[in-house]
C-alpha atoms as a PDB file:
ATOM      1  CA  MET A   1     -51.833 -46.032 -42.636  1.00  0.00           C
ATOM      2  CA  PRO A   2     -52.557 -49.395 -44.310  1.00  0.00           C
ATOM      3  CA  VAL A   3     -50.649 -50.325 -47.452  1.00  0.00           C
ATOM      4  CA  PRO A   4     -53.752 -50.476 -49.741  1.00  0.00           C
ATOM      5  CA  LEU A   5     -54.660 -46.947 -48.659  1.00  0.00           C
ATOM      6  CA  ARG A   6     -51.113 -45.778 -49.429  1.00  0.00           C
ATOM      7  CA  VAL A   7     -51.322 -47.314 -52.913  1.00  0.00           C
ATOM      8  CA  LEU A   8     -54.709 -45.689 -53.516  1.00  0.00           C
ATOM      9  CA  LEU A   9     -53.411 -42.282 -52.402  1.00  0.00           C
ATOM     10  CA  SER A  10     -50.329 -42.684 -54.624  1.00  0.00           C
ATOM     11  CA  ILE A  11     -52.482 -43.460 -57.663  1.00  0.00           C
ATOM     12  CA  SER A  12     -54.799 -40.535 -56.888  1.00  0.00           C
ATOM     13  CA  LEU A  13     -51.835 -38.194 -56.444  1.00  0.00           C
ATOM     14  CA  GLY A  14     -50.314 -39.413 -59.716  1.00  0.00           C
ATOM     15  CA  LEU A  15     -53.554 -38.746 -61.581  1.00  0.00           C
ATOM     16  CA  LEU A  16     -53.800 -35.302 -59.985  1.00  0.00           C
ATOM     17  CA  VAL A  17     -50.249 -34.385 -60.994  1.00  0.00           C
ATOM     18  CA  SER A  18     -50.755 -35.708 -64.530  1.00  0.00           C
ATOM     19  CA  THR A  19     -53.762 -33.403 -65.005  1.00  0.00           C
ATOM     20  CA  TRP A  20     -51.819 -30.346 -63.784  1.00  0.00           C
ATOM     21  CA  LEU A  21     -48.591 -30.817 -65.697  1.00  0.00           C
ATOM     22  CA  PRO A  22     -48.069 -31.637 -69.371  1.00  0.00           C
ATOM     23  CA  LEU A  23     -46.671 -35.123 -69.842  1.00  0.00           C
ATOM     24  CA  PRO A  24     -43.688 -35.797 -72.144  1.00  0.00           C
ATOM     25  CA  PRO A  25     -44.075 -38.204 -75.050  1.00  0.00           C
ATOM     26  CA  ILE A  26     -44.631 -41.689 -73.650  1.00  0.00           C
ATOM     27  CA  PRO A  27     -42.375 -44.404 -75.145  1.00  0.00           C
ATOM     28  CA  GLU A  28     -43.700 -47.758 -76.207  1.00  0.00           C
ATOM     29  CA  MET A  29     -44.669 -50.041 -73.368  1.00  0.00           C
ATOM     30  CA  LEU A  30     -42.213 -52.812 -72.415  1.00  0.00           C
ATOM     31  CA  SER A  31     -39.496 -51.160 -74.466  1.00  0.00           C
ATOM     32  CA  PHE A  32     -36.036 -50.531 -73.038  1.00  0.00           C
ATOM     33  CA  THR A  33     -36.672 -46.776 -73.007  1.00  0.00           C
ATOM     34  CA  ALA A  34     -39.904 -47.190 -71.048  1.00  0.00           C
ATOM     35  CA  ILE A  35     -38.311 -49.561 -68.522  1.00  0.00           C
ATOM     36  CA  LEU A  36     -35.366 -47.185 -68.072  1.00  0.00           C
ATOM     37  CA  ALA A  37     -37.729 -44.240 -67.548  1.00  0.00           C
ATOM     38  CA  VAL A  38     -39.699 -46.151 -64.893  1.00  0.00           C
ATOM     39  CA  VAL A  39     -36.505 -47.192 -63.100  1.00  0.00           C
ATOM     40  CA  GLN A  40     -35.243 -43.591 -63.097  1.00  0.00           C
ATOM     41  CA  GLU A  41     -38.509 -42.297 -61.654  1.00  0.00           C
ATOM     42  CA  VAL A  42     -38.443 -44.955 -58.947  1.00  0.00           C
ATOM     43  CA  VAL A  43     -34.846 -44.044 -58.027  1.00  0.00           C
ATOM     44  CA  ILE A  44     -35.629 -40.319 -57.874  1.00  0.00           C
ATOM     45  CA  GLY A  45     -38.765 -40.849 -55.795  1.00  0.00           C
ATOM     46  CA  THR A  46     -36.954 -43.230 -53.469  1.00  0.00           C
ATOM     47  CA  ALA A  47     -34.130 -40.732 -52.953  1.00  0.00           C
ATOM     48  CA  MET A  48     -36.563 -37.925 -52.102  1.00  0.00           C
ATOM     49  CA  GLY A  49     -38.591 -40.109 -49.765  1.00  0.00           C
ATOM     50  CA  PHE A  50     -35.444 -41.503 -48.155  1.00  0.00           C
ATOM     51  CA  LEU A  51     -34.303 -38.010 -47.213  1.00  0.00           C
ATOM     52  CA  LEU A  52     -37.565 -37.268 -45.433  1.00  0.00           C
ATOM     53  CA  GLN A  53     -37.540 -40.702 -43.814  1.00  0.00           C
ATOM     54  CA  LEU A  54     -34.065 -40.021 -42.442  1.00  0.00           C
ATOM     55  CA  ALA A  55     -35.354 -36.829 -40.847  1.00  0.00           C
ATOM     56  CA  PHE A  56     -38.099 -38.833 -39.115  1.00  0.00           C
ATOM     57  CA  ALA A  57     -35.744 -41.646 -38.095  1.00  0.00           C
ATOM     58  CA  ALA A  58     -33.199 -39.429 -36.308  1.00  0.00           C
ATOM     59  CA  PRO A  59     -35.432 -38.709 -33.255  1.00  0.00           C
ATOM     60  CA  LEU A  60     -36.079 -42.445 -32.903  1.00  0.00           C
ATOM     61  CA  ILE A  61     -32.337 -43.031 -32.609  1.00  0.00           C
ATOM     62  CA  ALA A  62     -32.131 -40.317 -29.961  1.00  0.00           C
ATOM     63  CA  ALA A  63     -35.094 -41.830 -28.121  1.00  0.00           C
ATOM     64  CA  GLU A  64     -33.453 -45.259 -28.055  1.00  0.00           C
ATOM     65  CA  GLN A  65     -30.312 -43.771 -26.525  1.00  0.00           C
ATOM     66  CA  ILE A  66     -32.302 -41.908 -23.876  1.00  0.00           C
ATOM     67  CA  SER A  67     -34.530 -44.909 -23.116  1.00  0.00           C
ATOM     68  CA  GLY A  68     -31.562 -47.225 -22.697  1.00  0.00           C
ATOM     69  CA  THR A  69     -29.868 -44.821 -20.302  1.00  0.00           C
ATOM     70  CA  MET A  70     -33.067 -44.211 -18.322  1.00  0.00           C
ATOM     71  CA  GLY A  71     -33.849 -47.901 -18.032  1.00  0.00           C
ATOM     72  CA  LEU A  72     -37.018 -47.672 -20.117  1.00  0.00           C
ATOM     73  CA  ALA A  73     -35.821 -49.884 -22.964  1.00  0.00           C
ATOM     74  CA  ILE A  74     -38.331 -52.573 -21.981  1.00  0.00           C
ATOM     75  CA  ALA A  75     -41.257 -50.120 -22.259  1.00  0.00           C
ATOM     76  CA  THR A  76     -42.418 -50.685 -25.852  1.00  0.00           C
ATOM     77  CA  SER A  77     -45.489 -49.780 -27.870  1.00  0.00           C
ATOM     78  CA  ILE A  78     -46.676 -49.835 -31.472  1.00  0.00           C
ATOM     79  CA  ASP A  79     -45.401 -46.940 -33.567  1.00  0.00           C
ATOM     80  CA  PRO A  80     -48.408 -45.622 -35.563  1.00  0.00           C
ATOM     81  CA  SER A  81     -46.217 -44.250 -38.368  1.00  0.00           C
ATOM     82  CA  SER A  82     -44.488 -47.539 -39.195  1.00  0.00           C
ATOM     83  CA  GLY A  83     -46.714 -50.113 -37.524  1.00  0.00           C
ATOM     84  CA  ALA A  84     -43.675 -51.739 -35.906  1.00  0.00           C
ATOM     85  CA  GLN A  85     -42.928 -52.155 -32.234  1.00  0.00           C
ATOM     86  CA  SER A  86     -40.704 -49.449 -30.790  1.00  0.00           C
ATOM     87  CA  GLY A  87     -39.913 -47.829 -27.471  1.00  0.00           C
ATOM     88  CA  ALA A  88     -42.548 -45.763 -25.738  1.00  0.00           C
ATOM     89  CA  LEU A  89     -40.264 -42.721 -25.772  1.00  0.00           C
ATOM     90  CA  GLY A  90     -39.553 -43.258 -29.469  1.00  0.00           C
ATOM     91  CA  THR A  91     -43.285 -43.320 -30.200  1.00  0.00           C
ATOM     92  CA  PHE A  92     -43.662 -40.059 -28.280  1.00  0.00           C
ATOM     93  CA  PHE A  93     -40.868 -38.446 -30.296  1.00  0.00           C
ATOM     94  CA  SER A  94     -42.367 -39.752 -33.543  1.00  0.00           C
ATOM     95  CA  LEU A  95     -45.786 -38.281 -32.740  1.00  0.00           C
ATOM     96  CA  MET A  96     -44.210 -34.985 -31.698  1.00  0.00           C
ATOM     97  CA  LEU A  97     -42.194 -34.796 -34.921  1.00  0.00           C
ATOM     98  CA  THR A  98     -45.295 -35.576 -36.987  1.00  0.00           C
ATOM     99  CA  LEU A  99     -47.247 -32.793 -35.286  1.00  0.00           C
ATOM    100  CA  LEU A 100     -44.345 -30.388 -35.880  1.00  0.00           C
ATOM    101  CA  PHE A 101     -44.234 -31.445 -39.528  1.00  0.00           C
ATOM    102  CA  TYR A 102     -47.880 -30.468 -39.984  1.00  0.00           C
ATOM    103  CA  ALA A 103     -47.571 -27.374 -37.773  1.00  0.00           C
ATOM    104  CA  ILE A 104     -44.822 -25.794 -39.884  1.00  0.00           C
ATOM    105  CA  GLY A 105     -46.622 -26.689 -43.119  1.00  0.00           C
ATOM    106  CA  GLY A 106     -44.176 -29.390 -44.116  1.00  0.00           C
ATOM    107  CA  HIS A 107     -46.853 -31.447 -45.871  1.00  0.00           C
ATOM    108  CA  LEU A 108     -47.729 -28.472 -48.105  1.00  0.00           C
ATOM    109  CA  LEU A 109     -44.068 -27.801 -48.864  1.00  0.00           C
ATOM    110  CA  TRP A 110     -43.532 -31.465 -49.676  1.00  0.00           C
ATOM    111  CA  PHE A 111     -46.505 -31.509 -52.049  1.00  0.00           C
ATOM    112  CA  GLU A 112     -45.217 -28.346 -53.725  1.00  0.00           C
ATOM    113  CA  LEU A 113     -41.774 -29.927 -54.049  1.00  0.00           C
ATOM    114  CA  LEU A 114     -43.330 -33.002 -55.644  1.00  0.00           C
ATOM    115  CA  ILE A 115     -45.139 -30.868 -58.216  1.00  0.00           C
ATOM    116  CA  GLU A 116     -42.037 -28.799 -58.953  1.00  0.00           C
ATOM    117  CA  SER A 117     -39.943 -31.947 -59.339  1.00  0.00           C
ATOM    118  CA  TYR A 118     -42.141 -33.052 -62.255  1.00  0.00           C
ATOM    119  CA  ARG A 119     -42.021 -29.549 -63.667  1.00  0.00           C
ATOM    120  CA  LEU A 120     -38.231 -29.251 -63.495  1.00  0.00           C
ATOM    121  CA  LEU A 121     -37.520 -32.909 -64.211  1.00  0.00           C
ATOM    122  CA  PRO A 122     -40.011 -34.322 -66.707  1.00  0.00           C
ATOM    123  CA  ALA A 123     -40.766 -38.003 -66.319  1.00  0.00           C
ATOM    124  CA  GLY A 124     -38.192 -40.139 -68.113  1.00  0.00           C
ATOM    125  CA  GLY A 125     -35.854 -37.221 -68.810  1.00  0.00           C
ATOM    126  CA  SER A 126     -33.750 -37.015 -65.661  1.00  0.00           C
ATOM    127  CA  ALA A 127     -31.120 -39.097 -63.934  1.00  0.00           C
ATOM    128  CA  LEU A 128     -29.616 -39.391 -60.470  1.00  0.00           C
ATOM    129  CA  SER A 129     -25.922 -38.543 -60.625  1.00  0.00           C
ATOM    130  CA  ALA A 130     -23.146 -39.634 -58.276  1.00  0.00           C
ATOM    131  CA  VAL A 131     -23.149 -36.184 -56.666  1.00  0.00           C
ATOM    132  CA  ASN A 132     -26.836 -36.528 -55.772  1.00  0.00           C
ATOM    133  CA  ALA A 133     -26.243 -39.965 -54.264  1.00  0.00           C
ATOM    134  CA  GLN A 134     -23.343 -38.542 -52.256  1.00  0.00           C
ATOM    135  CA  ASN A 135     -25.566 -35.750 -50.929  1.00  0.00           C
ATOM    136  CA  VAL A 136     -28.083 -38.337 -49.705  1.00  0.00           C
ATOM    137  CA  VAL A 137     -25.335 -40.182 -47.826  1.00  0.00           C
ATOM    138  CA  LEU A 138     -24.013 -36.926 -46.347  1.00  0.00           C
ATOM    139  CA  PHE A 139     -27.484 -36.029 -45.125  1.00  0.00           C
ATOM    140  CA  MET A 140     -27.560 -39.378 -43.332  1.00  0.00           C
ATOM    141  CA  GLY A 141     -24.531 -38.211 -41.367  1.00  0.00           C
ATOM    142  CA  HIS A 142     -26.298 -34.923 -40.643  1.00  0.00           C
ATOM    143  CA  ALA A 143     -29.328 -36.837 -39.338  1.00  0.00           C
ATOM    144  CA  LEU A 144     -27.134 -38.928 -37.037  1.00  0.00           C
ATOM    145  CA  ALA A 145     -25.459 -35.763 -35.740  1.00  0.00           C
ATOM    146  CA  ALA A 146     -28.892 -34.242 -35.091  1.00  0.00           C
ATOM    147  CA  ALA A 147     -29.927 -37.382 -33.185  1.00  0.00           C
ATOM    148  CA  ALA A 148     -26.805 -37.080 -31.034  1.00  0.00           C
ATOM    149  CA  ALA A 149     -27.530 -33.391 -30.379  1.00  0.00           C
ATOM    150  CA  ILE A 150     -31.102 -34.190 -29.332  1.00  0.00           C
ATOM    151  CA  ALA A 151     -30.088 -36.964 -26.948  1.00  0.00           C
ATOM    152  CA  LEU A 152     -26.895 -35.384 -25.573  1.00  0.00           C
ATOM    153  CA  PRO A 153     -28.349 -33.121 -22.801  1.00  0.00           C
ATOM    154  CA  VAL A 154     -30.553 -35.840 -21.331  1.00  0.00           C
ATOM    155  CA  VAL A 155     -27.857 -38.510 -21.615  1.00  0.00           C
ATOM    156  CA  LEU A 156     -25.355 -36.276 -19.812  1.00  0.00           C
ATOM    157  CA  VAL A 157     -27.794 -35.714 -16.943  1.00  0.00           C
ATOM    158  CA  LEU A 158     -28.461 -39.443 -16.689  1.00  0.00           C
ATOM    159  CA  LEU A 159     -24.746 -40.178 -16.763  1.00  0.00           C
ATOM    160  CA  LEU A 160     -24.252 -37.794 -13.856  1.00  0.00           C
ATOM    161  CA  VAL A 161     -27.075 -39.521 -11.954  1.00  0.00           C
ATOM    162  CA  GLN A 162     -25.483 -42.916 -12.559  1.00  0.00           C
ATOM    163  CA  VAL A 163     -22.115 -41.646 -11.331  1.00  0.00           C
ATOM    164  CA  VAL A 164     -23.715 -40.257  -8.151  1.00  0.00           C
ATOM    165  CA  THR A 165     -25.634 -43.488  -7.646  1.00  0.00           C
ATOM    166  CA  GLY A 166     -22.444 -45.505  -8.017  1.00  0.00           C
ATOM    167  CA  ILE A 167     -20.649 -43.330  -5.472  1.00  0.00           C
ATOM    168  CA  VAL A 168     -23.542 -43.694  -3.008  1.00  0.00           C
ATOM    169  CA  ALA A 169     -23.645 -47.465  -3.517  1.00  0.00           C
ATOM    170  CA  ARG A 170     -19.900 -47.645  -2.999  1.00  0.00           C
ATOM    171  CA  SER A 171     -20.126 -45.611   0.182  1.00  0.00           C
ATOM    172  CA  ALA A 172     -23.058 -47.634   1.550  1.00  0.00           C
ATOM    173  CA  PRO A 173     -22.842 -51.209   0.219  1.00  0.00           C
ATOM    174  CA  ALA A 174     -25.926 -52.224   2.210  1.00  0.00           C
ATOM    175  CA  LEU A 175     -28.149 -50.138  -0.099  1.00  0.00           C
ATOM    176  CA  ASN A 176     -29.861 -51.885  -2.984  1.00  0.00           C
ATOM    177  CA  LEU A 177     -28.299 -50.306  -6.076  1.00  0.00           C
ATOM    178  CA  PHE A 178     -31.033 -51.527  -8.430  1.00  0.00           C
ATOM    179  CA  ALA A 179     -33.858 -50.269  -6.223  1.00  0.00           C
ATOM    180  CA  LEU A 180     -32.097 -46.913  -5.817  1.00  0.00           C
ATOM    181  CA  GLY A 181     -30.662 -46.315  -9.264  1.00  0.00           C
ATOM    182  CA  LEU A 182     -33.634 -47.191 -11.504  1.00  0.00           C
ATOM    183  CA  PRO A 183     -36.183 -44.797  -9.940  1.00  0.00           C
ATOM    184  CA  ALA A 184     -33.550 -42.067  -9.706  1.00  0.00           C
ATOM    185  CA  GLY A 185     -32.641 -42.489 -13.379  1.00  0.00           C
ATOM    186  CA  VAL A 186     -36.257 -42.447 -14.544  1.00  0.00           C
ATOM    187  CA  LEU A 187     -37.091 -39.385 -12.421  1.00  0.00           C
ATOM    188  CA  ALA A 188     -33.973 -37.506 -13.561  1.00  0.00           C
ATOM    189  CA  GLY A 189     -34.659 -38.419 -17.182  1.00  0.00           C
ATOM    190  CA  ILE A 190     -38.237 -37.131 -17.046  1.00  0.00           C
ATOM    191  CA  ILE A 191     -37.133 -33.878 -15.403  1.00  0.00           C
ATOM    192  CA  ALA A 192     -34.348 -33.448 -17.971  1.00  0.00           C
ATOM    193  CA  LEU A 193     -36.797 -34.056 -20.831  1.00  0.00           C
ATOM    194  CA  ILE A 194     -39.146 -31.394 -19.453  1.00  0.00           C
ATOM    195  CA  VAL A 195     -36.299 -28.890 -19.060  1.00  0.00           C
ATOM    196  CA  VAL A 196     -34.755 -29.409 -22.521  1.00  0.00           C
ATOM    197  CA  MET A 197     -38.069 -29.844 -24.370  1.00  0.00           C
ATOM    198  CA  PRO A 198     -38.002 -26.309 -25.925  1.00  0.00           C
ATOM    199  CA  ILE A 199     -34.476 -26.898 -27.237  1.00  0.00           C
ATOM    200  CA  MET A 200     -35.482 -30.353 -28.451  1.00  0.00           C
ATOM    201  CA  ILE A 201     -38.474 -28.959 -30.355  1.00  0.00           C
ATOM    202  CA  ASP A 202     -36.216 -26.416 -32.060  1.00  0.00           C
ATOM    203  CA  GLN A 203     -33.841 -29.230 -33.048  1.00  0.00           C
ATOM    204  CA  LEU A 204     -36.696 -31.307 -34.457  1.00  0.00           C
ATOM    205  CA  ALA A 205     -38.088 -28.372 -36.448  1.00  0.00           C
ATOM    206  CA  LEU A 206     -34.612 -27.620 -37.788  1.00  0.00           C
ATOM    207  CA  LEU A 207     -34.225 -31.277 -38.771  1.00  0.00           C
ATOM    208  CA  ILE A 208     -37.480 -31.207 -40.738  1.00  0.00           C
ATOM    209  CA  GLU A 209     -36.463 -28.000 -42.497  1.00  0.00           C
ATOM    210  CA  SER A 210     -33.066 -29.490 -43.320  1.00  0.00           C
ATOM    211  CA  GLY A 211     -34.723 -32.573 -44.820  1.00  0.00           C
ATOM    212  CA  LEU A 212     -36.997 -30.452 -47.003  1.00  0.00           C
ATOM    213  CA  GLU A 213     -34.112 -28.208 -48.072  1.00  0.00           C
ATOM    214  CA  GLU A 214     -31.959 -31.218 -48.938  1.00  0.00           C
ATOM    215  CA  ALA A 215     -34.782 -32.726 -50.992  1.00  0.00           C
ATOM    216  CA  THR A 216     -35.203 -29.395 -52.791  1.00  0.00           C
ATOM    217  CA  ARG A 217     -31.466 -29.232 -53.432  1.00  0.00           C
ATOM    218  CA  LEU A 218     -31.551 -32.801 -54.708  1.00  0.00           C
ATOM    219  CA  VAL A 219     -34.205 -31.921 -57.280  1.00  0.00           C
ATOM    220  CA  GLY A 220     -32.442 -28.693 -58.253  1.00  0.00           C
ATOM    221  CA  THR A 221     -29.059 -30.311 -58.866  1.00  0.00           C
ATOM    222  CA  MET A 222     -30.288 -33.319 -60.818  1.00  0.00           C
ATOM    223  CA  ARG A 223     -29.214 -33.315 -64.415  1.00  0.00           C
ATOM    224  CA  VAL A 224     -31.667 -33.665 -67.265  1.00  0.00           C
ATOM    225  CA  ARG A 225     -30.810 -36.574 -69.502  1.00  0.00           C
ATOM    226  CA  PRO A 226     -30.472 -35.473 -73.134  1.00  0.00           C
END
């Protein structure tokens, strides 16, 4: 999605929210109170968006681990979600996670959470405490653990294939290890991905739900500034 379109959607969403919810008294422009209120809203929005972004970044980490073990690290493509160049397997995981996000109604839950955040935390009247910042960091660890759990079954199968390939190459030195090991690793990786795909989808759905729950908890535990 291009940046100008994102800005236009953000402005439209802000106008929509402002018509639904009553706004608190607006301080004078360019005053210290107004600048502090804007900074607080930016920090809160960044924290909420960062949690969801972590949930979408975890499968990319798992895909990089799997691609490197399979020998597909050189197969790259353009990731449509970020516009940056990433691995082909990472792009596949990103598209699959996006489809799961819409399938479970995550976009509706996120919009509802955004509305409720302005209802519970009026603009300019809330602050991000140290406990909330710590929860964001802890969720980063949870996302990394989820990435390891997603990649672990496939990586273990590929490790076993590499061990067998090394034993075969040691037993028959005349064989070309590169010509034998690369196709075997790619074939074993594809088969392992097909076998563990149901478990992987459950892990991805659980990761999305955890990100939404953590964002909800973040809004619920924020303190209102007197």
